[in-house]
Amino acid sequence: MAAPAAAADGGGIQFSGAIGAGVVILGAGLGIGKIGASAVESMARQPEVAANINTAMIISAALIEGVTFFALIVCILRGAV
């Protein structure tokens, strides 16, 4: 009885919004971590271009965070329906 009542109440949609938000956060964290690790490794190999690598890393991380923000908003709005 509880499963059909939850489905009729929209519980599945809210749950899918929460799962989507979790996947978005996980993907963004892994992506920004990979960018940071690669940038630090590149700066260690070529210290003379560290400023350029640092700038590219910050821009890339900001773009990932922007996309993550929009994806979270979509997941939250989808879960609130």
PDB file of N, CA and C in Angstrom:
ATOM      1  N   MET A   1       0.803  -1.196   0.000  1.00  0.00           N
ATOM      2  CA  MET A   1       0.000   0.000   0.000  1.00  0.00           C
ATOM      3  C   MET A   1       0.845   1.258   0.000  1.00  0.00           C
ATOM      4  N   ALA A   2       1.987   1.220   0.626  1.00  0.00           N
ATOM      5  CA  ALA A   2       2.791   2.428   0.754  1.00  0.00           C
ATOM      6  C   ALA A   2       3.405   2.834  -0.584  1.00  0.00           C
ATOM      7  N   ALA A   3       3.806   1.879  -1.415  1.00  0.00           N
ATOM      8  CA  ALA A   3       4.448   2.213  -2.680  1.00  0.00           C
ATOM      9  C   ALA A   3       3.501   2.928  -3.634  1.00  0.00           C
ATOM     10  N   PRO A   4       2.272   2.450  -3.863  1.00  0.00           N
ATOM     11  CA  PRO A   4       1.382   3.202  -4.750  1.00  0.00           C
ATOM     12  C   PRO A   4       1.009   4.576  -4.190  1.00  0.00           C
ATOM     13  N   ALA A   5       0.910   4.676  -2.872  1.00  0.00           N
ATOM     14  CA  ALA A   5       0.596   5.977  -2.273  1.00  0.00           C
ATOM     15  C   ALA A   5       1.744   6.962  -2.506  1.00  0.00           C
ATOM     16  N   ALA A   6       2.971   6.504  -2.394  1.00  0.00           N
ATOM     17  CA  ALA A   6       4.118   7.385  -2.637  1.00  0.00           C
ATOM     18  C   ALA A   6       4.190   7.776  -4.099  1.00  0.00           C
ATOM     19  N   ALA A   7       3.886   6.834  -4.999  1.00  0.00           N
ATOM     20  CA  ALA A   7       3.919   7.141  -6.425  1.00  0.00           C
ATOM     21  C   ALA A   7       2.830   8.145  -6.787  1.00  0.00           C
ATOM     22  N   ALA A   8       1.656   8.025  -6.193  1.00  0.00           N
ATOM     23  CA  ALA A   8       0.572   8.948  -6.472  1.00  0.00           C
ATOM     24  C   ALA A   8       0.865  10.334  -5.892  1.00  0.00           C
ATOM     25  N   ASP A   9       1.641  10.361  -4.843  1.00  0.00           N
ATOM     26  CA  ASP A   9       1.968  11.624  -4.180  1.00  0.00           C
ATOM     27  C   ASP A   9       3.130  12.349  -4.869  1.00  0.00           C
ATOM     28  N   GLY A  10       3.799  11.721  -5.832  1.00  0.00           N
ATOM     29  CA  GLY A  10       4.935  12.341  -6.506  1.00  0.00           C
ATOM     30  C   GLY A  10       6.249  12.106  -5.799  1.00  0.00           C
ATOM     31  N   GLY A  11       6.310  11.127  -4.917  1.00  0.00           N
ATOM     32  CA  GLY A  11       7.538  10.843  -4.176  1.00  0.00           C
ATOM     33  C   GLY A  11       8.676  10.403  -5.064  1.00  0.00           C
ATOM     34  N   GLY A  12       8.351   9.706  -6.152  1.00  0.00           N
ATOM     35  CA  GLY A  12       9.390   9.255  -7.079  1.00  0.00           C
ATOM     36  C   GLY A  12      10.060  10.403  -7.798  1.00  0.00           C
ATOM     37  N   ILE A  13       9.276  11.418  -8.132  1.00  0.00           N
ATOM     38  CA  ILE A  13       9.844  12.583  -8.819  1.00  0.00           C
ATOM     39  C   ILE A  13      10.761  13.349  -7.879  1.00  0.00           C
ATOM     40  N   GLN A  14      10.355  13.511  -6.635  1.00  0.00           N
ATOM     41  CA  GLN A  14      11.205  14.203  -5.669  1.00  0.00           C
ATOM     42  C   GLN A  14      12.481  13.418  -5.418  1.00  0.00           C
ATOM     43  N   PHE A  15      12.363  12.100  -5.362  1.00  0.00           N
ATOM     44  CA  PHE A  15      13.539  11.270  -5.150  1.00  0.00           C
ATOM     45  C   PHE A  15      14.486  11.367  -6.336  1.00  0.00           C
ATOM     46  N   SER A  16      13.943  11.408  -7.546  1.00  0.00           N
ATOM     47  CA  SER A  16      14.809  11.517  -8.727  1.00  0.00           C
ATOM     48  C   SER A  16      15.512  12.867  -8.770  1.00  0.00           C
ATOM     49  N   GLY A  17      14.862  13.922  -8.289  1.00  0.00           N
ATOM     50  CA  GLY A  17      15.527  15.228  -8.210  1.00  0.00           C
ATOM     51  C   GLY A  17      16.689  15.210  -7.236  1.00  0.00           C
ATOM     52  N   ALA A  18      16.511  14.513  -6.111  1.00  0.00           N
ATOM     53  CA  ALA A  18      17.589  14.410  -5.123  1.00  0.00           C
ATOM     54  C   ALA A  18      18.749  13.575  -5.661  1.00  0.00           C
ATOM     55  N   ILE A  19      18.437  12.482  -6.358  1.00  0.00           N
ATOM     56  CA  ILE A  19      19.489  11.647  -6.953  1.00  0.00           C
ATOM     57  C   ILE A  19      20.239  12.446  -8.020  1.00  0.00           C
ATOM     58  N   GLY A  20      19.501  13.183  -8.833  1.00  0.00           N
ATOM     59  CA  GLY A  20      20.138  14.007  -9.861  1.00  0.00           C
ATOM     60  C   GLY A  20      21.066  15.048  -9.271  1.00  0.00           C
ATOM     61  N   ALA A  21      20.623  15.697  -8.199  1.00  0.00           N
ATOM     62  CA  ALA A  21      21.460  16.704  -7.542  1.00  0.00           C
ATOM     63  C   ALA A  21      22.729  16.067  -6.985  1.00  0.00           C
ATOM     64  N   GLY A  22      22.605  14.875  -6.415  1.00  0.00           N
ATOM     65  CA  GLY A  22      23.784  14.174  -5.892  1.00  0.00           C
ATOM     66  C   GLY A  22      24.772  13.817  -6.985  1.00  0.00           C
ATOM     67  N   VAL A  23      24.263  13.362  -8.125  1.00  0.00           N
ATOM     68  CA  VAL A  23      25.140  13.012  -9.247  1.00  0.00           C
ATOM     69  C   VAL A  23      25.835  14.257  -9.790  1.00  0.00           C
ATOM     70  N   VAL A  24      25.109  15.352  -9.853  1.00  0.00           N
ATOM     71  CA  VAL A  24      25.702  16.610 -10.331  1.00  0.00           C
ATOM     72  C   VAL A  24      26.850  17.047  -9.424  1.00  0.00           C
ATOM     73  N   ILE A  25      26.629  17.008  -8.123  1.00  0.00           N
ATOM     74  CA  ILE A  25      27.666  17.410  -7.170  1.00  0.00           C
ATOM     75  C   ILE A  25      28.868  16.479  -7.259  1.00  0.00           C
ATOM     76  N   LEU A  26      28.603  15.193  -7.369  1.00  0.00           N
ATOM     77  CA  LEU A  26      29.694  14.217  -7.475  1.00  0.00           C
ATOM     78  C   LEU A  26      30.525  14.463  -8.733  1.00  0.00           C
ATOM     79  N   GLY A  27      29.858  14.658  -9.856  1.00  0.00           N
ATOM     80  CA  GLY A  27      30.574  14.905 -11.109  1.00  0.00           C
ATOM     81  C   GLY A  27      31.381  16.194 -11.085  1.00  0.00           C
ATOM     82  N   ALA A  28      30.801  17.238 -10.522  1.00  0.00           N
ATOM     83  CA  ALA A  28      31.509  18.520 -10.442  1.00  0.00           C
ATOM     84  C   ALA A  28      32.728  18.416  -9.532  1.00  0.00           C
ATOM     85  N   GLY A  29      32.573  17.738  -8.408  1.00  0.00           N
ATOM     86  CA  GLY A  29      33.703  17.574  -7.496  1.00  0.00           C
ATOM     87  C   GLY A  29      34.840  16.795  -8.122  1.00  0.00           C
ATOM     88  N   LEU A  30      34.487  15.724  -8.829  1.00  0.00           N
ATOM     89  CA  LEU A  30      35.522  14.941  -9.505  1.00  0.00           C
ATOM     90  C   LEU A  30      36.192  15.738 -10.616  1.00  0.00           C
ATOM     91  N   GLY A  31      35.400  16.496 -11.380  1.00  0.00           N
ATOM     92  CA  GLY A  31      35.956  17.293 -12.471  1.00  0.00           C
ATOM     93  C   GLY A  31      36.892  18.383 -11.988  1.00  0.00           C
ATOM     94  N   ILE A  32      36.477  19.120 -10.968  1.00  0.00           N
ATOM     95  CA  ILE A  32      37.322  20.191 -10.438  1.00  0.00           C
ATOM     96  C   ILE A  32      38.562  19.607  -9.764  1.00  0.00           C
ATOM     97  N   GLY A  33      38.417  18.471  -9.107  1.00  0.00           N
ATOM     98  CA  GLY A  33      39.580  17.812  -8.502  1.00  0.00           C
ATOM     99  C   GLY A  33      40.586  17.382  -9.545  1.00  0.00           C
ATOM    100  N   LYS A  34      40.095  16.839 -10.659  1.00  0.00           N
ATOM    101  CA  LYS A  34      40.993  16.414 -11.748  1.00  0.00           C
ATOM    102  C   LYS A  34      41.698  17.617 -12.372  1.00  0.00           C
ATOM    103  N   ILE A  35      40.972  18.707 -12.557  1.00  0.00           N
ATOM    104  CA  ILE A  35      41.587  19.918 -13.108  1.00  0.00           C
ATOM    105  C   ILE A  35      42.675  20.435 -12.171  1.00  0.00           C
ATOM    106  N   GLY A  36      42.377  20.476 -10.875  1.00  0.00           N
ATOM    107  CA  GLY A  36      43.361  20.958  -9.905  1.00  0.00           C
ATOM    108  C   GLY A  36      44.598  20.082  -9.859  1.00  0.00           C
ATOM    109  N   ALA A  37      44.398  18.768  -9.859  1.00  0.00           N
ATOM    110  CA  ALA A  37      45.542  17.849  -9.809  1.00  0.00           C
ATOM    111  C   ALA A  37      46.409  17.982 -11.061  1.00  0.00           C
ATOM    112  N   SER A  38      45.769  18.075 -12.211  1.00  0.00           N
ATOM    113  CA  SER A  38      46.529  18.207 -13.457  1.00  0.00           C
ATOM    114  C   SER A  38      47.264  19.543 -13.525  1.00  0.00           C
ATOM    115  N   ALA A  39      46.625  20.590 -13.027  1.00  0.00           N
ATOM    116  CA  ALA A  39      47.271  21.899 -13.048  1.00  0.00           C
ATOM    117  C   ALA A  39      48.493  21.931 -12.136  1.00  0.00           C
ATOM    118  N   VAL A  40      48.362  21.364 -10.953  1.00  0.00           N
ATOM    119  CA  VAL A  40      49.508  21.348 -10.028  1.00  0.00           C
ATOM    120  C   VAL A  40      50.646  20.516 -10.608  1.00  0.00           C
ATOM    121  N   GLU A  41      50.303  19.393 -11.233  1.00  0.00           N
ATOM    122  CA  GLU A  41      51.337  18.559 -11.854  1.00  0.00           C
ATOM    123  C   GLU A  41      52.025  19.315 -12.997  1.00  0.00           C
ATOM    124  N   SER A  42      51.242  20.038 -13.793  1.00  0.00           N
ATOM    125  CA  SER A  42      51.824  20.807 -14.894  1.00  0.00           C
ATOM    126  C   SER A  42      52.707  21.939 -14.392  1.00  0.00           C
ATOM    127  N   MET A  43      52.282  22.591 -13.306  1.00  0.00           N
ATOM    128  CA  MET A  43      53.093  23.673 -12.739  1.00  0.00           C
ATOM    129  C   MET A  43      54.394  23.133 -12.153  1.00  0.00           C
ATOM    130  N   ALA A  44      54.352  21.925 -11.622  1.00  0.00           N
ATOM    131  CA  ALA A  44      55.574  21.336 -11.077  1.00  0.00           C
ATOM    132  C   ALA A  44      56.551  20.984 -12.197  1.00  0.00           C
ATOM    133  N   ARG A  45      56.021  20.587 -13.342  1.00  0.00           N
ATOM    134  CA  ARG A  45      56.897  20.225 -14.460  1.00  0.00           C
ATOM    135  C   ARG A  45      57.461  21.443 -15.172  1.00  0.00           C
ATOM    136  N   GLN A  46      56.635  22.493 -15.289  1.00  0.00           N
ATOM    137  CA  GLN A  46      57.057  23.702 -15.998  1.00  0.00           C
ATOM    138  C   GLN A  46      56.737  24.932 -15.157  1.00  0.00           C
ATOM    139  N   PRO A  47      57.584  25.253 -14.197  1.00  0.00           N
ATOM    140  CA  PRO A  47      57.285  26.393 -13.311  1.00  0.00           C
ATOM    141  C   PRO A  47      57.239  27.741 -14.033  1.00  0.00           C
ATOM    142  N   GLU A  48      57.885  27.837 -15.193  1.00  0.00           N
ATOM    143  CA  GLU A  48      57.919  29.123 -15.887  1.00  0.00           C
ATOM    144  C   GLU A  48      56.560  29.516 -16.478  1.00  0.00           C
ATOM    145  N   VAL A  49      55.659  28.567 -16.688  1.00  0.00           N
ATOM    146  CA  VAL A  49      54.326  28.886 -17.216  1.00  0.00           C
ATOM    147  C   VAL A  49      53.236  28.680 -16.154  1.00  0.00           C
ATOM    148  N   ALA A  50      53.626  28.728 -14.896  1.00  0.00           N
ATOM    149  CA  ALA A  50      52.677  28.470 -13.803  1.00  0.00           C
ATOM    150  C   ALA A  50      51.547  29.499 -13.791  1.00  0.00           C
ATOM    151  N   ALA A  51      51.826  30.747 -14.119  1.00  0.00           N
ATOM    152  CA  ALA A  51      50.778  31.774 -14.106  1.00  0.00           C
ATOM    153  C   ALA A  51      49.713  31.485 -15.162  1.00  0.00           C
ATOM    154  N   ASN A  52      50.150  31.077 -16.345  1.00  0.00           N
ATOM    155  CA  ASN A  52      49.192  30.759 -17.412  1.00  0.00           C
ATOM    156  C   ASN A  52      48.357  29.538 -17.054  1.00  0.00           C
ATOM    157  N   ILE A  53      48.994  28.538 -16.475  1.00  0.00           N
ATOM    158  CA  ILE A  53      48.273  27.321 -16.089  1.00  0.00           C
ATOM    159  C   ILE A  53      47.277  27.636 -14.977  1.00  0.00           C
ATOM    160  N   ASN A  54      47.681  28.462 -14.030  1.00  0.00           N
ATOM    161  CA  ASN A  54      46.800  28.833 -12.926  1.00  0.00           C
ATOM    162  C   ASN A  54      45.560  29.568 -13.441  1.00  0.00           C
ATOM    163  N   THR A  55      45.756  30.471 -14.383  1.00  0.00           N
ATOM    164  CA  THR A  55      44.630  31.206 -14.956  1.00  0.00           C
ATOM    165  C   THR A  55      43.678  30.269 -15.685  1.00  0.00           C
ATOM    166  N   ALA A  56      44.218  29.375 -16.479  1.00  0.00           N
ATOM    167  CA  ALA A  56      43.378  28.415 -17.204  1.00  0.00           C
ATOM    168  C   ALA A  56      42.632  27.500 -16.235  1.00  0.00           C
ATOM    169  N   MET A  57      43.286  27.116 -15.147  1.00  0.00           N
ATOM    170  CA  MET A  57      42.643  26.257 -14.154  1.00  0.00           C
ATOM    171  C   MET A  57      41.468  26.979 -13.499  1.00  0.00           C
ATOM    172  N   ILE A  58      41.653  28.222 -13.131  1.00  0.00           N
ATOM    173  CA  ILE A  58      40.588  28.977 -12.468  1.00  0.00           C
ATOM    174  C   ILE A  58      39.405  29.189 -13.411  1.00  0.00           C
ATOM    175  N   ILE A  59      39.679  29.495 -14.664  1.00  0.00           N
ATOM    176  CA  ILE A  59      38.598  29.685 -15.639  1.00  0.00           C
ATOM    177  C   ILE A  59      37.837  28.381 -15.850  1.00  0.00           C
ATOM    178  N   SER A  60      38.551  27.281 -15.986  1.00  0.00           N
ATOM    179  CA  SER A  60      37.898  25.985 -16.181  1.00  0.00           C
ATOM    180  C   SER A  60      37.053  25.594 -14.972  1.00  0.00           C
ATOM    181  N   ALA A  61      37.581  25.804 -13.785  1.00  0.00           N
ATOM    182  CA  ALA A  61      36.826  25.481 -12.569  1.00  0.00           C
ATOM    183  C   ALA A  61      35.579  26.356 -12.456  1.00  0.00           C
ATOM    184  N   ALA A  62      35.690  27.618 -12.818  1.00  0.00           N
ATOM    185  CA  ALA A  62      34.534  28.515 -12.760  1.00  0.00           C
ATOM    186  C   ALA A  62      33.457  28.082 -13.750  1.00  0.00           C
ATOM    187  N   LEU A  63      33.857  27.652 -14.935  1.00  0.00           N
ATOM    188  CA  LEU A  63      32.877  27.180 -15.913  1.00  0.00           C
ATOM    189  C   LEU A  63      32.172  25.918 -15.416  1.00  0.00           C
ATOM    190  N   ILE A  64      32.917  25.008 -14.812  1.00  0.00           N
ATOM    191  CA  ILE A  64      32.307  23.795 -14.267  1.00  0.00           C
ATOM    192  C   ILE A  64      31.336  24.150 -13.144  1.00  0.00           C
ATOM    193  N   GLU A  65      31.720  25.079 -12.292  1.00  0.00           N
ATOM    194  CA  GLU A  65      30.825  25.483 -11.202  1.00  0.00           C
ATOM    195  C   GLU A  65      29.566  26.142 -11.733  1.00  0.00           C
ATOM    196  N   GLY A  66      29.675  26.913 -12.795  1.00  0.00           N
ATOM    197  CA  GLY A  66      28.496  27.542 -13.395  1.00  0.00           C
ATOM    198  C   GLY A  66      27.521  26.520 -13.937  1.00  0.00           C
ATOM    199  N   VAL A  67      28.031  25.554 -14.665  1.00  0.00           N
ATOM    200  CA  VAL A  67      27.176  24.494 -15.202  1.00  0.00           C
ATOM    201  C   VAL A  67      26.571  23.674 -14.073  1.00  0.00           C
ATOM    202  N   THR A  68      27.349  23.433 -13.025  1.00  0.00           N
ATOM    203  CA  THR A  68      26.854  22.689 -11.868  1.00  0.00           C
ATOM    204  C   THR A  68      25.710  23.433 -11.206  1.00  0.00           C
ATOM    205  N   PHE A  69      25.839  24.737 -11.069  1.00  0.00           N
ATOM    206  CA  PHE A  69      24.787  25.540 -10.454  1.00  0.00           C
ATOM    207  C   PHE A  69      23.483  25.423 -11.235  1.00  0.00           C
ATOM    208  N   PHE A  70      23.564  25.556 -12.558  1.00  0.00           N
ATOM    209  CA  PHE A  70      22.359  25.452 -13.370  1.00  0.00           C
ATOM    210  C   PHE A  70      21.758  24.046 -13.299  1.00  0.00           C
ATOM    211  N   ALA A  71      22.589  23.018 -13.294  1.00  0.00           N
ATOM    212  CA  ALA A  71      22.084  21.646 -13.194  1.00  0.00           C
ATOM    213  C   ALA A  71      21.411  21.413 -11.845  1.00  0.00           C
ATOM    214  N   LEU A  72      21.980  21.963 -10.782  1.00  0.00           N
ATOM    215  CA  LEU A  72      21.350  21.828  -9.468  1.00  0.00           C
ATOM    216  C   LEU A  72      19.994  22.516  -9.424  1.00  0.00           C
ATOM    217  N   ILE A  73      19.898  23.689 -10.026  1.00  0.00           N
ATOM    218  CA  ILE A  73      18.617  24.397 -10.062  1.00  0.00           C
ATOM    219  C   ILE A  73      17.575  23.562 -10.802  1.00  0.00           C
ATOM    220  N   VAL A  74      17.964  22.968 -11.925  1.00  0.00           N
ATOM    221  CA  VAL A  74      17.030  22.123 -12.677  1.00  0.00           C
ATOM    222  C   VAL A  74      16.603  20.929 -11.836  1.00  0.00           C
ATOM    223  N   CYS A  75      17.537  20.284 -11.154  1.00  0.00           N
ATOM    224  CA  CYS A  75      17.199  19.129 -10.314  1.00  0.00           C
ATOM    225  C   CYS A  75      16.280  19.527  -9.168  1.00  0.00           C
ATOM    226  N   ILE A  76      16.557  20.656  -8.549  1.00  0.00           N
ATOM    227  CA  ILE A  76      15.728  21.103  -7.427  1.00  0.00           C
ATOM    228  C   ILE A  76      14.326  21.464  -7.911  1.00  0.00           C
ATOM    229  N   LEU A  77      14.236  22.178  -9.034  1.00  0.00           N
ATOM    230  CA  LEU A  77      12.921  22.542  -9.556  1.00  0.00           C
ATOM    231  C   LEU A  77      12.149  21.308 -10.026  1.00  0.00           C
ATOM    232  N   ARG A  78      12.855  20.362 -10.608  1.00  0.00           N
ATOM    233  CA  ARG A  78      12.200  19.128 -11.058  1.00  0.00           C
ATOM    234  C   ARG A  78      11.701  18.322  -9.864  1.00  0.00           C
ATOM    235  N   GLY A  79      12.444  18.328  -8.782  1.00  0.00           N
ATOM    236  CA  GLY A  79      12.033  17.597  -7.592  1.00  0.00           C
ATOM    237  C   GLY A  79      10.916  18.283  -6.832  1.00  0.00           C
ATOM    238  N   ALA A  80      10.732  19.590  -7.038  1.00  0.00           N
ATOM    239  CA  ALA A  80       9.708  20.332  -6.311  1.00  0.00           C
ATOM    240  C   ALA A  80       8.340  20.250  -6.976  1.00  0.00           C
ATOM    241  N   VAL A  81       8.293  19.708  -8.181  1.00  0.00           N
ATOM    242  CA  VAL A  81       7.015  19.635  -8.915  1.00  0.00           C
ATOM    243  C   VAL A  81       6.091  18.640  -8.282  1.00  0.00           C
TER     244      VAL A  81
END
